[in-house]
Amino acid sequence: MIRLLFSLLLFTSHLCASDEPQNFWRLNIYDNSGQFTSNAVINLTKTPANACLDGKWFQVKVLEFNAMEAETFPFTNQLSYRFDGNKILLGRNNRCDSYAQLAGELNGNTISGSYFLFGLGWSKDLGTFSMSKVDI
């Protein structure tokens, strides 16, 4: 009986995950001089993600990306995000002591903020970013 209930619970949670509403965004990243460096279309999912940072993190699915420079944003790495009110943190958070972060603020259907790297005892400002909701 317990095994049956557990199986039903797993099946139901799988159905709920597949019915998750899509949350698509176009992400643009700029260097410190304001020059465009890369963009992507991403889906902010409700699937939990592992992160070295405190908080409740969710997976980011990168649907497509275009990088003008070889070393821009780590789109091919596992990415995660979290909201704290209207503030968002998004980036490579599962690699402890080598974080690539976008930190911004939600304003309607747009988000903007700064792009930086940081670790234990160091940080490097790389530029800015903007995101806008898109329908796919």
Protein backbone atom coordinates (compact mmCIF):
# COMPACT_ATOMS: atom_id res chain seq x y z
CA MET A 1 0.00 0.00 0.00
CA ILE A 2 2.78 2.43 0.90
CA ARG A 3 4.61 1.54 -2.31
CA LEU A 4 1.42 2.27 -4.32
CA LEU A 5 0.95 5.65 -2.60
CA PHE A 6 4.61 6.54 -3.23
CA SER A 7 4.26 5.57 -6.92
CA LEU A 8 1.11 7.68 -7.25
CA LEU A 9 2.86 10.61 -5.58
CA LEU A 10 5.80 10.37 -8.00
CA PHE A 11 3.45 10.08 -10.99
CA THR A 12 1.38 13.09 -9.84
CA SER A 13 4.48 15.24 -9.23
CA HIS A 14 5.74 14.36 -12.72
CA LEU A 15 2.41 15.46 -14.22
CA CYS A 16 2.53 18.73 -12.31
CA ALA A 17 6.08 19.42 -13.48
CA SER A 18 5.17 18.83 -17.11
CA ASP A 19 2.18 21.20 -16.81
CA GLU A 20 4.42 23.97 -15.49
CA PRO A 21 3.68 27.35 -17.09
CA GLN A 22 6.42 28.62 -19.36
CA ASN A 23 8.35 31.66 -18.19
CA PHE A 24 10.41 32.78 -21.21
CA TRP A 25 12.78 35.74 -21.20
CA ARG A 26 15.18 37.34 -23.70
CA LEU A 27 18.45 38.08 -21.93
CA ASN A 28 20.94 40.67 -23.26
CA ILE A 29 24.38 41.15 -21.72
CA TYR A 30 26.63 44.21 -22.17
CA ASP A 31 30.25 44.83 -21.18
CA ASN A 32 31.38 47.72 -18.97
CA SER A 33 31.55 50.08 -21.96
CA GLY A 34 27.92 49.30 -22.86
CA GLN A 35 28.77 47.14 -25.86
CA PHE A 36 26.49 44.18 -26.52
CA THR A 37 28.32 40.86 -25.85
CA SER A 38 25.69 38.11 -25.84
CA ASN A 39 22.04 37.24 -25.70
CA ALA A 40 19.86 34.23 -24.99
CA VAL A 41 16.31 33.03 -24.68
CA ILE A 42 15.83 31.34 -21.33
CA ASN A 43 13.04 29.65 -19.39
CA LEU A 44 12.90 30.31 -15.65
CA THR A 45 11.50 26.97 -14.43
CA LYS A 46 10.11 25.94 -11.07
CA THR A 47 12.37 22.87 -10.98
CA PRO A 48 14.60 23.00 -7.88
CA ALA A 49 18.32 23.46 -8.51
CA ASN A 50 21.45 22.69 -6.49
CA ALA A 51 23.45 25.76 -5.52
CA CYS A 52 26.34 26.53 -3.19
CA LEU A 53 24.62 29.75 -2.13
CA ASP A 54 21.90 29.92 0.51
CA GLY A 55 18.27 30.13 -0.57
CA LYS A 56 15.72 28.35 -2.71
CA TRP A 57 17.11 28.07 -6.25
CA PHE A 58 15.41 26.96 -9.46
CA GLN A 59 16.77 25.74 -12.80
CA VAL A 60 17.24 28.00 -15.80
CA LYS A 61 16.84 26.31 -19.19
CA VAL A 62 18.78 28.01 -21.99
CA LEU A 63 16.82 27.56 -25.22
CA GLU A 64 19.25 29.44 -27.46
CA PHE A 65 22.18 31.79 -27.06
CA ASN A 66 24.52 33.91 -29.15
CA ALA A 67 27.88 35.09 -27.81
CA MET A 68 29.83 37.80 -29.62
CA GLU A 69 32.95 37.02 -27.58
CA ALA A 70 34.35 33.64 -26.52
CA GLU A 71 34.29 34.48 -22.80
CA THR A 72 30.96 36.06 -22.00
CA PHE A 73 28.27 34.45 -19.84
CA PRO A 74 28.46 30.71 -19.01
CA PHE A 75 25.33 29.72 -20.98
CA THR A 76 26.56 26.13 -21.37
CA ASN A 77 26.90 25.64 -17.59
CA GLN A 78 24.13 24.66 -15.19
CA LEU A 79 22.34 27.92 -14.35
CA SER A 80 19.92 28.69 -11.56
CA TYR A 81 17.96 31.65 -10.23
CA ARG A 82 16.02 32.88 -7.23
CA PHE A 83 13.79 35.82 -6.51
CA ASP A 84 13.74 37.78 -3.26
CA GLY A 85 10.74 40.06 -3.69
CA ASN A 86 11.40 41.89 -6.97
CA LYS A 87 15.17 41.20 -6.86
CA ILE A 88 16.64 38.35 -8.93
CA LEU A 89 19.95 36.51 -8.80
CA LEU A 90 20.68 34.34 -11.82
CA GLY A 91 23.84 32.54 -12.79
CA ARG A 92 26.31 29.72 -12.29
CA ASN A 93 25.75 28.90 -8.64
CA ASN A 94 26.63 25.22 -8.35
CA ARG A 95 30.38 25.77 -8.73
CA CYS A 96 31.45 26.97 -5.29
CA ASP A 97 33.91 29.90 -5.15
CA SER A 98 33.59 30.76 -8.84
CA TYR A 99 30.20 32.38 -9.28
CA ALA A 100 29.00 34.15 -12.43
CA GLN A 101 26.00 36.26 -11.41
CA LEU A 102 23.37 38.55 -12.82
CA ALA A 103 21.79 40.62 -10.05
CA GLY A 104 18.84 42.77 -11.00
CA GLU A 105 15.42 44.13 -10.24
CA LEU A 106 12.07 43.20 -11.77
CA ASN A 107 10.05 46.14 -13.07
CA GLY A 108 6.88 44.95 -14.82
CA ASN A 109 7.94 42.63 -17.65
CA THR A 110 11.59 43.71 -17.61
CA ILE A 111 14.60 43.06 -15.41
CA SER A 112 17.90 44.96 -15.44
CA GLY A 113 21.02 44.98 -13.33
CA SER A 114 24.70 44.12 -13.12
CA TYR A 115 26.83 41.19 -14.29
CA PHE A 116 29.80 40.13 -12.16
CA LEU A 117 31.99 37.25 -11.04
CA PHE A 118 32.89 36.57 -7.43
CA GLY A 119 34.41 34.05 -5.08
CA LEU A 120 35.99 33.89 -1.67
CA GLY A 121 37.82 37.20 -1.26
CA TRP A 122 37.48 38.47 -4.84
CA SER A 123 34.98 39.97 -7.29
CA LYS A 124 35.07 41.37 -10.82
CA ASP A 125 32.46 43.66 -12.41
CA LEU A 126 31.85 42.60 -16.02
CA GLY A 127 28.97 44.80 -17.14
CA THR A 128 25.19 44.95 -17.16
CA PHE A 129 22.22 42.97 -18.40
CA SER A 130 18.58 43.37 -19.32
CA MET A 131 15.78 40.84 -19.64
CA SER A 132 12.32 41.12 -21.14
CA LYS A 133 9.42 38.66 -21.17
CA VAL A 134 8.81 36.95 -24.51
CA ASP A 135 6.14 34.63 -25.88
CA ILE A 136 7.34 31.56 -27.72
